[in-house]
Amino acid sequence: MKDLMGLMKQAKEMQKKVAAAQEKVSDVIVKGESGGGLVHVELVGGGNIKSLSIDPSLFGSDQKADIEMAEDLIIAAYQDAKSKLDQAQASIMKSAMGDIPIPPGMNLSL
């Protein structure tokens, strides 16, 4: 019975820590860039784009080619920022759950 009570206490503690970590993760803002700084994107904790900026020098006389290049750069900037966001979230979750044993195969990623 003591083991069950201890397990219940651990579960409640884990639940509180996960909620606190999720709140912290939602406040994370990361920046990504591509094209040598010509395209910048900011993501917030849920992975949504907060802002996007494209240097006007990207758009010259051949607009079709410029637009295709801009699209590729936007995708690259988003992927850069998303990768950084995933790393920040994993770090926060690891910190929150550091002292609680997690069963093998249990994924706490957000």
Protein backbone atom coordinates (compact mmCIF):
# COMPACT_ATOMS: atom_id res chain seq x y z
CA MET A 1 0.00 0.00 0.00
CA LYS A 2 2.91 2.33 0.77
CA ASP A 3 4.27 1.72 -2.73
CA LEU A 4 0.94 2.69 -4.27
CA MET A 5 0.78 5.89 -2.20
CA GLY A 6 4.35 6.73 -3.18
CA LEU A 7 3.54 6.10 -6.83
CA MET A 8 0.46 8.33 -6.61
CA LYS A 9 2.52 11.07 -4.99
CA GLN A 10 5.14 10.78 -7.75
CA ALA A 11 2.42 10.93 -10.42
CA LYS A 12 0.97 14.13 -8.92
CA GLU A 13 4.44 15.63 -8.67
CA MET A 14 5.14 14.71 -12.29
CA GLN A 15 1.83 16.22 -13.39
CA LYS A 16 2.67 19.52 -11.67
CA LYS A 17 6.14 19.60 -13.19
CA VAL A 18 4.83 18.82 -16.68
CA ALA A 19 2.25 21.62 -16.41
CA ALA A 20 4.92 24.07 -15.26
CA ALA A 21 7.28 22.97 -18.03
CA GLN A 22 4.54 23.30 -20.66
CA GLU A 23 3.84 26.84 -19.51
CA LYS A 24 7.55 27.63 -19.66
CA VAL A 25 7.82 26.10 -23.14
CA SER A 26 4.94 28.23 -24.41
CA ASP A 27 6.99 31.33 -23.52
CA VAL A 28 10.04 30.23 -25.55
CA ILE A 29 10.82 32.33 -28.63
CA VAL A 30 13.51 31.15 -31.05
CA LYS A 31 14.91 32.77 -34.18
CA GLY A 32 15.98 31.06 -37.38
CA GLU A 33 17.62 32.48 -40.45
CA SER A 34 18.71 31.50 -43.93
CA GLY A 35 20.30 33.04 -46.99
CA GLY A 36 23.10 34.62 -45.01
CA GLY A 37 20.63 36.60 -42.92
CA LEU A 38 18.33 37.67 -45.76
CA VAL A 39 15.37 35.78 -44.28
CA HIS A 40 14.50 35.69 -40.57
CA VAL A 41 11.72 33.83 -38.81
CA GLU A 42 10.68 33.72 -35.14
CA LEU A 43 8.74 30.83 -33.63
CA VAL A 44 6.88 30.69 -30.33
CA GLY A 45 6.65 27.66 -28.06
CA GLY A 46 3.93 25.84 -29.97
CA GLY A 47 5.93 26.02 -33.17
CA ASN A 48 3.87 28.83 -34.68
CA ILE A 49 5.57 31.57 -36.66
CA LYS A 50 5.60 34.82 -34.67
CA SER A 51 7.32 36.92 -37.32
CA LEU A 52 8.92 36.62 -40.75
CA SER A 53 11.11 39.16 -42.51
CA ILE A 54 12.60 39.04 -46.00
CA ASP A 55 15.29 41.47 -47.09
CA PRO A 56 13.94 43.49 -50.05
CA SER A 57 17.19 42.93 -51.94
CA LEU A 58 15.93 39.42 -52.69
CA PHE A 59 13.39 40.76 -55.17
CA GLY A 60 15.02 41.94 -58.37
CA SER A 61 13.80 42.03 -61.95
CA ASP A 62 13.13 38.28 -62.38
CA GLN A 63 10.27 38.01 -59.88
CA LYS A 64 9.39 34.35 -60.54
CA ALA A 65 12.89 33.19 -59.70
CA ASP A 66 13.01 35.59 -56.75
CA ILE A 67 9.74 34.27 -55.34
CA GLU A 68 10.88 30.65 -55.66
CA MET A 69 14.14 31.51 -53.93
CA ALA A 70 12.27 33.37 -51.17
CA GLU A 71 10.01 30.37 -50.62
CA ASP A 72 13.02 28.05 -50.30
CA LEU A 73 14.70 30.45 -47.88
CA ILE A 74 11.54 30.77 -45.78
CA ILE A 75 11.30 27.00 -45.49
CA ALA A 76 14.98 26.77 -44.50
CA ALA A 77 14.58 29.55 -41.90
CA TYR A 78 11.50 27.86 -40.44
CA GLN A 79 13.29 24.51 -40.20
CA ASP A 80 16.25 26.19 -38.48
CA ALA A 81 14.01 27.87 -35.90
CA LYS A 82 11.87 24.74 -35.38
CA SER A 83 14.99 22.67 -34.72
CA LYS A 84 16.10 25.19 -32.09
CA LEU A 85 12.62 25.20 -30.57
CA ASP A 86 12.59 21.40 -30.32
CA GLN A 87 15.98 21.51 -28.56
CA ALA A 88 14.76 24.17 -26.10
CA GLN A 89 11.60 22.19 -25.33
CA ALA A 90 13.55 18.96 -24.79
CA SER A 91 15.94 20.76 -22.44
CA ILE A 92 13.09 22.24 -20.40
CA MET A 93 11.29 18.89 -20.13
CA LYS A 94 14.50 17.09 -19.17
CA SER A 95 15.16 19.69 -16.48
CA ALA A 96 11.61 19.40 -15.14
CA MET A 97 11.65 15.61 -15.07
CA GLY A 98 15.30 15.17 -14.09
CA ASP A 99 14.71 13.69 -10.65
CA ILE A 100 11.69 11.56 -11.54
CA PRO A 101 12.30 8.12 -13.04
CA ILE A 102 10.61 7.84 -16.45
CA PRO A 103 9.73 4.35 -17.72
CA PRO A 104 11.64 3.30 -20.86
CA GLY A 105 9.85 4.27 -24.05
CA MET A 106 7.71 6.96 -22.40
CA ASN A 107 7.88 10.12 -24.50
CA LEU A 108 7.28 13.43 -22.72
CA SER A 109 8.00 15.64 -25.70
CA LEU A 110 5.52 18.42 -26.35
